[in-house]
Amino acid sequence: MTRYFQLDEANGLLAELDPLLLTLAQQRHQLVRLRDELLESDASAAGAAGTGDGAGSASGTLDAHDEGLRLARLRMQGLIDQMQAAVARLDELGVVLRDIETGLIDFPALVNGRQVWLCWRLGEVGIDYWHELSSGVAGRQRIIDLA
């Protein structure tokens, strides 16, 4: 069953949601950086493996590379686990996450019997926007115009 928020109630949750969403955005950034480093490292290791001279030096390099990959994957999994916990918390609260990078979330609300989304993103002081279910963030309108 959908939980519907009053504007004051949704605004009251922002003190908890702001740091949660900021951390989530930072974790996403770290995850992307680790992924990129992993891809770059894989390309470098593939080049190094192709230039081995048969004396065993490439093997030592590859062993170190494999250990680095293992550690990077563990760091990535740790970030993913933390991000999943944050998303689960949002879901538990009844908030809909729209975009991790910008911290965009929606709160389901009822206005004169119709369902709308109260819309907020990181950096905004309070919930000042809403949009229809079908319009998304592109259709955001000022709360003051909601009637």
N, C-alpha and C. Protein backbone atom coordinates (compact mmCIF):
# COMPACT_ATOMS: atom_id res chain seq x y z
N MET A 1 0.84 -1.18 0.00
CA MET A 1 0.00 0.00 0.00
C MET A 1 0.89 1.25 0.00
N THR A 2 0.57 2.18 -0.83
CA THR A 2 1.34 3.41 -0.96
C THR A 2 1.11 4.32 0.24
N ARG A 3 2.19 4.85 0.73
CA ARG A 3 2.12 5.86 1.78
C ARG A 3 2.08 7.22 1.11
N TYR A 4 1.12 8.05 1.52
CA TYR A 4 1.02 9.40 0.98
C TYR A 4 1.52 10.40 2.01
N PHE A 5 2.29 11.35 1.54
CA PHE A 5 2.91 12.35 2.41
C PHE A 5 2.16 13.67 2.34
N GLN A 6 2.09 14.33 3.49
CA GLN A 6 1.71 15.73 3.55
C GLN A 6 2.99 16.52 3.32
N LEU A 7 2.88 17.73 2.83
CA LEU A 7 4.06 18.54 2.53
C LEU A 7 4.94 18.74 3.77
N ASP A 8 4.33 19.07 4.91
CA ASP A 8 5.10 19.28 6.15
C ASP A 8 5.82 18.01 6.58
N GLU A 9 5.17 16.87 6.43
CA GLU A 9 5.76 15.60 6.80
C GLU A 9 6.97 15.29 5.90
N ALA A 10 6.82 15.51 4.60
CA ALA A 10 7.92 15.26 3.66
C ALA A 10 9.09 16.21 3.95
N ASN A 11 8.79 17.46 4.17
CA ASN A 11 9.85 18.43 4.51
C ASN A 11 10.56 18.04 5.80
N GLY A 12 9.82 17.46 6.75
CA GLY A 12 10.41 17.03 8.01
C GLY A 12 11.41 15.90 7.85
N LEU A 13 11.28 15.11 6.80
CA LEU A 13 12.21 14.01 6.55
C LEU A 13 13.51 14.46 5.88
N LEU A 14 13.54 15.67 5.36
CA LEU A 14 14.72 16.12 4.61
C LEU A 14 15.99 16.14 5.46
N ALA A 15 15.86 16.38 6.76
CA ALA A 15 17.04 16.39 7.63
C ALA A 15 17.71 15.01 7.65
N GLU A 16 16.93 13.95 7.54
CA GLU A 16 17.49 12.59 7.46
C GLU A 16 17.90 12.25 6.04
N LEU A 17 17.13 12.68 5.07
CA LEU A 17 17.36 12.29 3.68
C LEU A 17 18.55 13.01 3.04
N ASP A 18 18.77 14.26 3.41
CA ASP A 18 19.86 15.03 2.80
C ASP A 18 21.21 14.33 2.95
N PRO A 19 21.64 13.98 4.19
CA PRO A 19 22.94 13.31 4.31
C PRO A 19 22.94 11.91 3.69
N LEU A 20 21.82 11.21 3.74
CA LEU A 20 21.72 9.89 3.15
C LEU A 20 21.94 9.96 1.64
N LEU A 21 21.28 10.92 1.00
CA LEU A 21 21.40 11.07 -0.45
C LEU A 21 22.76 11.61 -0.86
N LEU A 22 23.33 12.48 -0.05
CA LEU A 22 24.67 12.99 -0.33
C LEU A 22 25.69 11.84 -0.27
N THR A 23 25.59 11.01 0.75
CA THR A 23 26.48 9.86 0.88
C THR A 23 26.28 8.89 -0.29
N LEU A 24 25.04 8.66 -0.66
CA LEU A 24 24.73 7.78 -1.78
C LEU A 24 25.35 8.29 -3.07
N ALA A 25 25.26 9.59 -3.32
CA ALA A 25 25.86 10.18 -4.53
C ALA A 25 27.39 10.04 -4.50
N GLN A 26 27.98 10.26 -3.33
CA GLN A 26 29.43 10.11 -3.20
C GLN A 26 29.86 8.66 -3.41
N GLN A 27 29.08 7.73 -2.87
CA GLN A 27 29.40 6.32 -3.05
C GLN A 27 29.30 5.93 -4.52
N ARG A 28 28.31 6.46 -5.22
CA ARG A 28 28.18 6.19 -6.64
C ARG A 28 29.41 6.68 -7.39
N HIS A 29 29.85 7.89 -7.04
CA HIS A 29 31.04 8.46 -7.67
C HIS A 29 32.27 7.57 -7.41
N GLN A 30 32.43 7.11 -6.17
CA GLN A 30 33.55 6.23 -5.83
C GLN A 30 33.47 4.91 -6.60
N LEU A 31 32.27 4.38 -6.73
CA LEU A 31 32.08 3.12 -7.45
C LEU A 31 32.45 3.27 -8.93
N VAL A 32 32.03 4.35 -9.53
CA VAL A 32 32.38 4.60 -10.93
C VAL A 32 33.89 4.77 -11.08
N ARG A 33 34.51 5.50 -10.14
CA ARG A 33 35.97 5.69 -10.19
C ARG A 33 36.69 4.36 -10.07
N LEU A 34 36.26 3.51 -9.13
CA LEU A 34 36.88 2.20 -8.97
C LEU A 34 36.69 1.34 -10.21
N ARG A 35 35.51 1.39 -10.79
CA ARG A 35 35.27 0.64 -12.03
C ARG A 35 36.21 1.08 -13.13
N ASP A 36 36.36 2.39 -13.28
CA ASP A 36 37.24 2.91 -14.32
C ASP A 36 38.69 2.52 -14.08
N GLU A 37 39.11 2.58 -12.81
CA GLU A 37 40.47 2.17 -12.47
C GLU A 37 40.67 0.68 -12.76
N LEU A 38 39.65 -0.11 -12.47
CA LEU A 38 39.72 -1.54 -12.72
C LEU A 38 39.85 -1.83 -14.22
N LEU A 39 39.07 -1.13 -15.01
CA LEU A 39 39.15 -1.32 -16.46
C LEU A 39 40.52 -0.90 -17.00
N GLU A 40 41.03 0.21 -16.50
CA GLU A 40 42.35 0.68 -16.92
C GLU A 40 43.43 -0.31 -16.50
N SER A 41 43.32 -0.83 -15.30
CA SER A 41 44.29 -1.79 -14.79
C SER A 41 44.25 -3.08 -15.61
N ASP A 42 43.06 -3.52 -15.98
CA ASP A 42 42.93 -4.72 -16.81
C ASP A 42 43.62 -4.53 -18.15
N ALA A 43 43.44 -3.36 -18.74
CA ALA A 43 44.07 -3.07 -20.03
C ALA A 43 45.59 -3.05 -19.89
N SER A 44 46.09 -2.45 -18.81
CA SER A 44 47.54 -2.40 -18.58
C SER A 44 48.11 -3.79 -18.35
N ALA A 45 47.41 -4.62 -17.60
CA ALA A 45 47.88 -5.96 -17.31
C ALA A 45 47.89 -6.81 -18.57
N ALA A 46 46.90 -6.63 -19.41
CA ALA A 46 46.86 -7.39 -20.66
C ALA A 46 48.05 -7.02 -21.53
N GLY A 47 48.43 -5.75 -21.55
CA GLY A 47 49.61 -5.31 -22.30
C GLY A 47 50.88 -5.85 -21.70
N ALA A 48 50.97 -5.89 -20.37
CA ALA A 48 52.17 -6.39 -19.70
C ALA A 48 52.32 -7.89 -19.91
N ALA A 49 51.21 -8.62 -19.91
CA ALA A 49 51.26 -10.06 -20.10
C ALA A 49 51.77 -10.41 -21.49
N GLY A 50 51.46 -9.57 -22.44
CA GLY A 50 51.89 -9.80 -23.83
C GLY A 50 53.35 -9.48 -24.06
N THR A 51 54.01 -8.81 -23.10
CA THR A 51 55.42 -8.43 -23.29
C THR A 51 56.36 -9.21 -22.39
N GLY A 52 55.88 -10.28 -21.74
CA GLY A 52 56.74 -11.08 -20.86
C GLY A 52 57.90 -11.68 -21.62
N ASP A 53 59.06 -11.76 -20.96
CA ASP A 53 60.25 -12.27 -21.62
C ASP A 53 60.53 -13.71 -21.27
N GLY A 54 59.59 -14.35 -20.56
CA GLY A 54 59.77 -15.74 -20.21
C GLY A 54 60.61 -15.95 -18.98
N ALA A 55 61.12 -14.91 -18.35
CA ALA A 55 61.99 -15.04 -17.19
C ALA A 55 61.22 -14.98 -15.88
N GLY A 56 59.88 -14.90 -15.94
CA GLY A 56 59.07 -14.92 -14.73
C GLY A 56 58.69 -13.53 -14.23
N SER A 57 59.21 -12.48 -14.79
CA SER A 57 58.87 -11.14 -14.30
C SER A 57 57.42 -10.81 -14.57
N ALA A 58 56.88 -11.24 -15.69
CA ALA A 58 55.47 -10.96 -16.01
C ALA A 58 54.56 -11.68 -15.02
N SER A 59 54.94 -12.87 -14.58
CA SER A 59 54.13 -13.64 -13.64
C SER A 59 53.98 -12.90 -12.32
N GLY A 60 55.09 -12.34 -11.81
CA GLY A 60 55.03 -11.58 -10.56
C GLY A 60 54.15 -10.36 -10.70
N THR A 61 54.23 -9.70 -11.84
CA THR A 61 53.41 -8.53 -12.11
C THR A 61 51.94 -8.91 -12.16
N LEU A 62 51.65 -10.05 -12.80
CA LEU A 62 50.26 -10.49 -12.91
C LEU A 62 49.71 -10.92 -11.55
N ASP A 63 50.53 -11.54 -10.70
CA ASP A 63 50.07 -11.92 -9.36
C ASP A 63 49.70 -10.67 -8.55
N ALA A 64 50.53 -9.66 -8.61
CA ALA A 64 50.25 -8.39 -7.92
C ALA A 64 48.99 -7.75 -8.51
N HIS A 65 48.86 -7.84 -9.82
CA HIS A 65 47.69 -7.28 -10.49
C HIS A 65 46.42 -8.02 -10.04
N ASP A 66 46.49 -9.35 -9.97
CA ASP A 66 45.34 -10.14 -9.53
C ASP A 66 44.94 -9.78 -8.10
N GLU A 67 45.91 -9.57 -7.23
CA GLU A 67 45.61 -9.17 -5.85
C GLU A 67 44.97 -7.79 -5.82
N GLY A 68 45.49 -6.89 -6.64
CA GLY A 68 44.89 -5.55 -6.73
C GLY A 68 43.46 -5.60 -7.23
N LEU A 69 43.21 -6.47 -8.22
CA LEU A 69 41.84 -6.64 -8.73
C LEU A 69 40.92 -7.18 -7.64
N ARG A 70 41.40 -8.15 -6.89
CA ARG A 70 40.60 -8.74 -5.82
C ARG A 70 40.22 -7.68 -4.77
N LEU A 71 41.19 -6.87 -4.38
CA LEU A 71 40.92 -5.82 -3.39
C LEU A 71 39.97 -4.76 -3.94
N ALA A 72 40.15 -4.39 -5.20
CA ALA A 72 39.26 -3.40 -5.82
C ALA A 72 37.84 -3.94 -5.88
N ARG A 73 37.69 -5.20 -6.21
CA ARG A 73 36.36 -5.80 -6.28
C ARG A 73 35.72 -5.85 -4.89
N LEU A 74 36.51 -6.14 -3.87
CA LEU A 74 35.98 -6.13 -2.50
C LEU A 74 35.52 -4.74 -2.09
N ARG A 75 36.30 -3.71 -2.44
CA ARG A 75 35.90 -2.32 -2.15
C ARG A 75 34.61 -1.98 -2.88
N MET A 76 34.54 -2.41 -4.14
CA MET A 76 33.32 -2.15 -4.91
C MET A 76 32.11 -2.83 -4.28
N GLN A 77 32.27 -4.08 -3.88
CA GLN A 77 31.16 -4.80 -3.26
C GLN A 77 30.73 -4.13 -1.95
N GLY A 78 31.70 -3.65 -1.18
CA GLY A 78 31.37 -2.93 0.04
C GLY A 78 30.55 -1.68 -0.25
N LEU A 79 30.93 -0.93 -1.28
CA LEU A 79 30.17 0.26 -1.67
C LEU A 79 28.76 -0.12 -2.12
N ILE A 80 28.67 -1.17 -2.91
CA ILE A 80 27.35 -1.61 -3.40
C ILE A 80 26.47 -2.01 -2.22
N ASP A 81 27.02 -2.72 -1.26
CA ASP A 81 26.25 -3.12 -0.08
C ASP A 81 25.74 -1.90 0.70
N GLN A 82 26.61 -0.90 0.87
CA GLN A 82 26.20 0.32 1.58
C GLN A 82 25.13 1.06 0.80
N MET A 83 25.27 1.11 -0.52
CA MET A 83 24.28 1.80 -1.35
C MET A 83 22.94 1.08 -1.29
N GLN A 84 22.96 -0.24 -1.31
CA GLN A 84 21.72 -1.00 -1.22
C GLN A 84 21.02 -0.75 0.11
N ALA A 85 21.78 -0.62 1.18
CA ALA A 85 21.18 -0.33 2.49
C ALA A 85 20.52 1.05 2.48
N ALA A 86 21.16 2.02 1.86
CA ALA A 86 20.58 3.37 1.79
C ALA A 86 19.30 3.37 0.96
N VAL A 87 19.31 2.67 -0.15
CA VAL A 87 18.11 2.59 -1.00
C VAL A 87 17.00 1.86 -0.26
N ALA A 88 17.35 0.83 0.50
CA ALA A 88 16.35 0.12 1.30
C ALA A 88 15.73 1.06 2.34
N ARG A 89 16.54 1.94 2.92
CA ARG A 89 16.02 2.91 3.89
C ARG A 89 15.04 3.86 3.23
N LEU A 90 15.37 4.33 2.04
CA LEU A 90 14.46 5.21 1.30
C LEU A 90 13.14 4.49 1.04
N ASP A 91 13.24 3.25 0.61
CA ASP A 91 12.04 2.46 0.33
C ASP A 91 11.22 2.25 1.60
N GLU A 92 11.89 2.00 2.70
CA GLU A 92 11.22 1.82 4.00
C GLU A 92 10.43 3.08 4.39
N LEU A 93 10.99 4.23 4.06
CA LEU A 93 10.32 5.50 4.39
C LEU A 93 9.18 5.82 3.43
N GLY A 94 9.15 5.13 2.27
CA GLY A 94 8.11 5.39 1.28
C GLY A 94 8.51 6.43 0.26
N VAL A 95 9.80 6.74 0.20
CA VAL A 95 10.34 7.73 -0.72
C VAL A 95 10.83 7.02 -1.98
N VAL A 96 10.63 7.63 -3.13
CA VAL A 96 11.03 7.03 -4.39
C VAL A 96 12.30 7.73 -4.90
N LEU A 97 13.37 6.97 -5.04
CA LEU A 97 14.63 7.49 -5.56
C LEU A 97 14.55 7.54 -7.07
N ARG A 98 14.81 8.71 -7.64
CA ARG A 98 14.76 8.88 -9.09
C ARG A 98 16.14 8.96 -9.72
N ASP A 99 17.09 9.61 -9.03
CA ASP A 99 18.43 9.77 -9.59
C ASP A 99 19.44 9.89 -8.46
N ILE A 100 20.37 8.95 -8.39
CA ILE A 100 21.37 8.96 -7.33
C ILE A 100 22.32 10.14 -7.48
N GLU A 101 22.76 10.39 -8.69
CA GLU A 101 23.78 11.42 -8.92
C GLU A 101 23.33 12.81 -8.46
N THR A 102 22.07 13.15 -8.70
CA THR A 102 21.58 14.47 -8.32
C THR A 102 20.79 14.45 -7.01
N GLY A 103 20.59 13.25 -6.45
CA GLY A 103 19.81 13.14 -5.22
C GLY A 103 18.35 13.48 -5.42
N LEU A 104 17.82 13.11 -6.57
CA LEU A 104 16.42 13.42 -6.90
C LEU A 104 15.50 12.34 -6.33
N ILE A 105 14.52 12.79 -5.54
CA ILE A 105 13.54 11.88 -4.95
C ILE A 105 12.14 12.44 -5.11
N ASP A 106 11.16 11.54 -5.03
CA ASP A 106 9.75 11.91 -5.06
C ASP A 106 9.05 11.32 -3.84
N PHE A 107 8.09 12.07 -3.35
CA PHE A 107 7.22 11.62 -2.26
C PHE A 107 5.81 11.51 -2.83
N PRO A 108 5.16 10.35 -2.72
CA PRO A 108 3.77 10.26 -3.17
C PRO A 108 2.88 11.13 -2.28
N ALA A 109 1.96 11.83 -2.92
CA ALA A 109 1.04 12.71 -2.17
C ALA A 109 -0.32 12.69 -2.85
N LEU A 110 -1.33 13.01 -2.06
CA LEU A 110 -2.69 13.17 -2.59
C LEU A 110 -3.10 14.62 -2.49
N VAL A 111 -3.54 15.17 -3.59
CA VAL A 111 -4.02 16.55 -3.61
C VAL A 111 -5.41 16.53 -4.25
N ASN A 112 -6.41 16.91 -3.46
CA ASN A 112 -7.79 16.91 -3.92
C ASN A 112 -8.17 15.57 -4.55
N GLY A 113 -7.72 14.48 -3.93
CA GLY A 113 -8.08 13.14 -4.39
C GLY A 113 -7.25 12.59 -5.53
N ARG A 114 -6.30 13.35 -6.05
CA ARG A 114 -5.46 12.81 -7.14
C ARG A 114 -4.03 12.65 -6.64
N GLN A 115 -3.39 11.61 -7.14
CA GLN A 115 -2.03 11.34 -6.73
C GLN A 115 -1.07 12.18 -7.55
N VAL A 116 -0.10 12.79 -6.84
CA VAL A 116 0.98 13.56 -7.47
C VAL A 116 2.28 13.19 -6.76
N TRP A 117 3.36 13.69 -7.29
CA TRP A 117 4.67 13.51 -6.64
C TRP A 117 5.15 14.85 -6.11
N LEU A 118 5.53 14.88 -4.84
CA LEU A 118 6.25 16.02 -4.30
C LEU A 118 7.71 15.75 -4.63
N CYS A 119 8.36 16.71 -5.25
CA CYS A 119 9.67 16.47 -5.85
C CYS A 119 10.75 17.31 -5.17
N TRP A 120 11.89 16.67 -4.86
CA TRP A 120 13.00 17.36 -4.19
C TRP A 120 14.31 16.76 -4.67
N ARG A 121 15.35 17.59 -4.68
CA ARG A 121 16.70 17.09 -4.99
C ARG A 121 17.71 17.78 -4.10
N LEU A 122 18.86 17.11 -3.96
CA LEU A 122 19.94 17.66 -3.15
C LEU A 122 20.22 19.10 -3.51
N GLY A 123 20.45 19.91 -2.48
CA GLY A 123 20.77 21.32 -2.70
C GLY A 123 19.57 22.23 -2.56
N GLU A 124 18.38 21.68 -2.66
CA GLU A 124 17.18 22.50 -2.49
C GLU A 124 16.88 22.61 -1.00
N VAL A 125 16.42 23.79 -0.58
CA VAL A 125 16.20 24.05 0.84
C VAL A 125 15.02 23.26 1.37
N GLY A 126 13.96 23.20 0.61
CA GLY A 126 12.76 22.47 1.00
C GLY A 126 12.07 21.97 -0.25
N ILE A 127 10.95 21.31 -0.04
CA ILE A 127 10.19 20.80 -1.18
C ILE A 127 9.37 21.94 -1.75
N ASP A 128 9.78 22.41 -2.90
CA ASP A 128 9.12 23.53 -3.56
C ASP A 128 8.46 23.13 -4.88
N TYR A 129 8.56 21.83 -5.25
CA TYR A 129 8.07 21.39 -6.55
C TYR A 129 7.23 20.14 -6.44
N TRP A 130 6.39 19.95 -7.42
CA TRP A 130 5.58 18.75 -7.56
C TRP A 130 5.47 18.45 -9.04
N HIS A 131 5.02 17.25 -9.36
CA HIS A 131 4.71 16.94 -10.76
C HIS A 131 3.69 15.81 -10.82
N GLU A 132 3.03 15.73 -11.96
CA GLU A 132 2.06 14.67 -12.20
C GLU A 132 2.79 13.33 -12.26
N LEU A 133 2.06 12.25 -12.08
CA LEU A 133 2.65 10.92 -12.13
C LEU A 133 3.30 10.65 -13.48
N SER A 134 2.69 11.15 -14.53
CA SER A 134 3.16 10.83 -15.88
C SER A 134 4.21 11.79 -16.43
N SER A 135 4.43 12.93 -15.78
CA SER A 135 5.30 13.94 -16.39
C SER A 135 6.77 13.85 -15.97
N GLY A 136 7.05 13.30 -14.82
CA GLY A 136 8.43 13.22 -14.37
C GLY A 136 9.01 14.58 -14.03
N VAL A 137 10.33 14.59 -13.78
CA VAL A 137 11.01 15.80 -13.34
C VAL A 137 10.90 16.92 -14.38
N ALA A 138 10.78 16.58 -15.64
CA ALA A 138 10.66 17.60 -16.69
C ALA A 138 9.38 18.42 -16.52
N GLY A 139 8.39 17.83 -15.85
CA GLY A 139 7.12 18.52 -15.64
C GLY A 139 6.99 19.16 -14.27
N ARG A 140 8.12 19.38 -13.60
CA ARG A 140 8.07 19.97 -12.25
C ARG A 140 7.42 21.35 -12.30
N GLN A 141 6.56 21.56 -11.31
CA GLN A 141 5.88 22.85 -11.16
C GLN A 141 6.03 23.30 -9.71
N ARG A 142 5.90 24.58 -9.49
CA ARG A 142 6.05 25.14 -8.13
C ARG A 142 4.88 24.66 -7.26
N ILE A 143 5.17 24.35 -6.01
CA ILE A 143 4.17 23.93 -5.03
C ILE A 143 3.09 25.00 -4.90
N ILE A 144 3.52 26.22 -4.95
CA ILE A 144 2.56 27.33 -4.78
C ILE A 144 1.45 27.29 -5.84
N ASP A 145 1.74 26.68 -6.98
CA ASP A 145 0.75 26.58 -8.05
C ASP A 145 -0.14 25.35 -7.94
N LEU A 146 0.13 24.49 -6.96
CA LEU A 146 -0.63 23.26 -6.82
C LEU A 146 -1.99 23.56 -6.22
N ALA A 147 -3.01 23.17 -6.95
CA ALA A 147 -4.38 23.39 -6.47
C ALA A 147 -5.28 22.24 -6.87
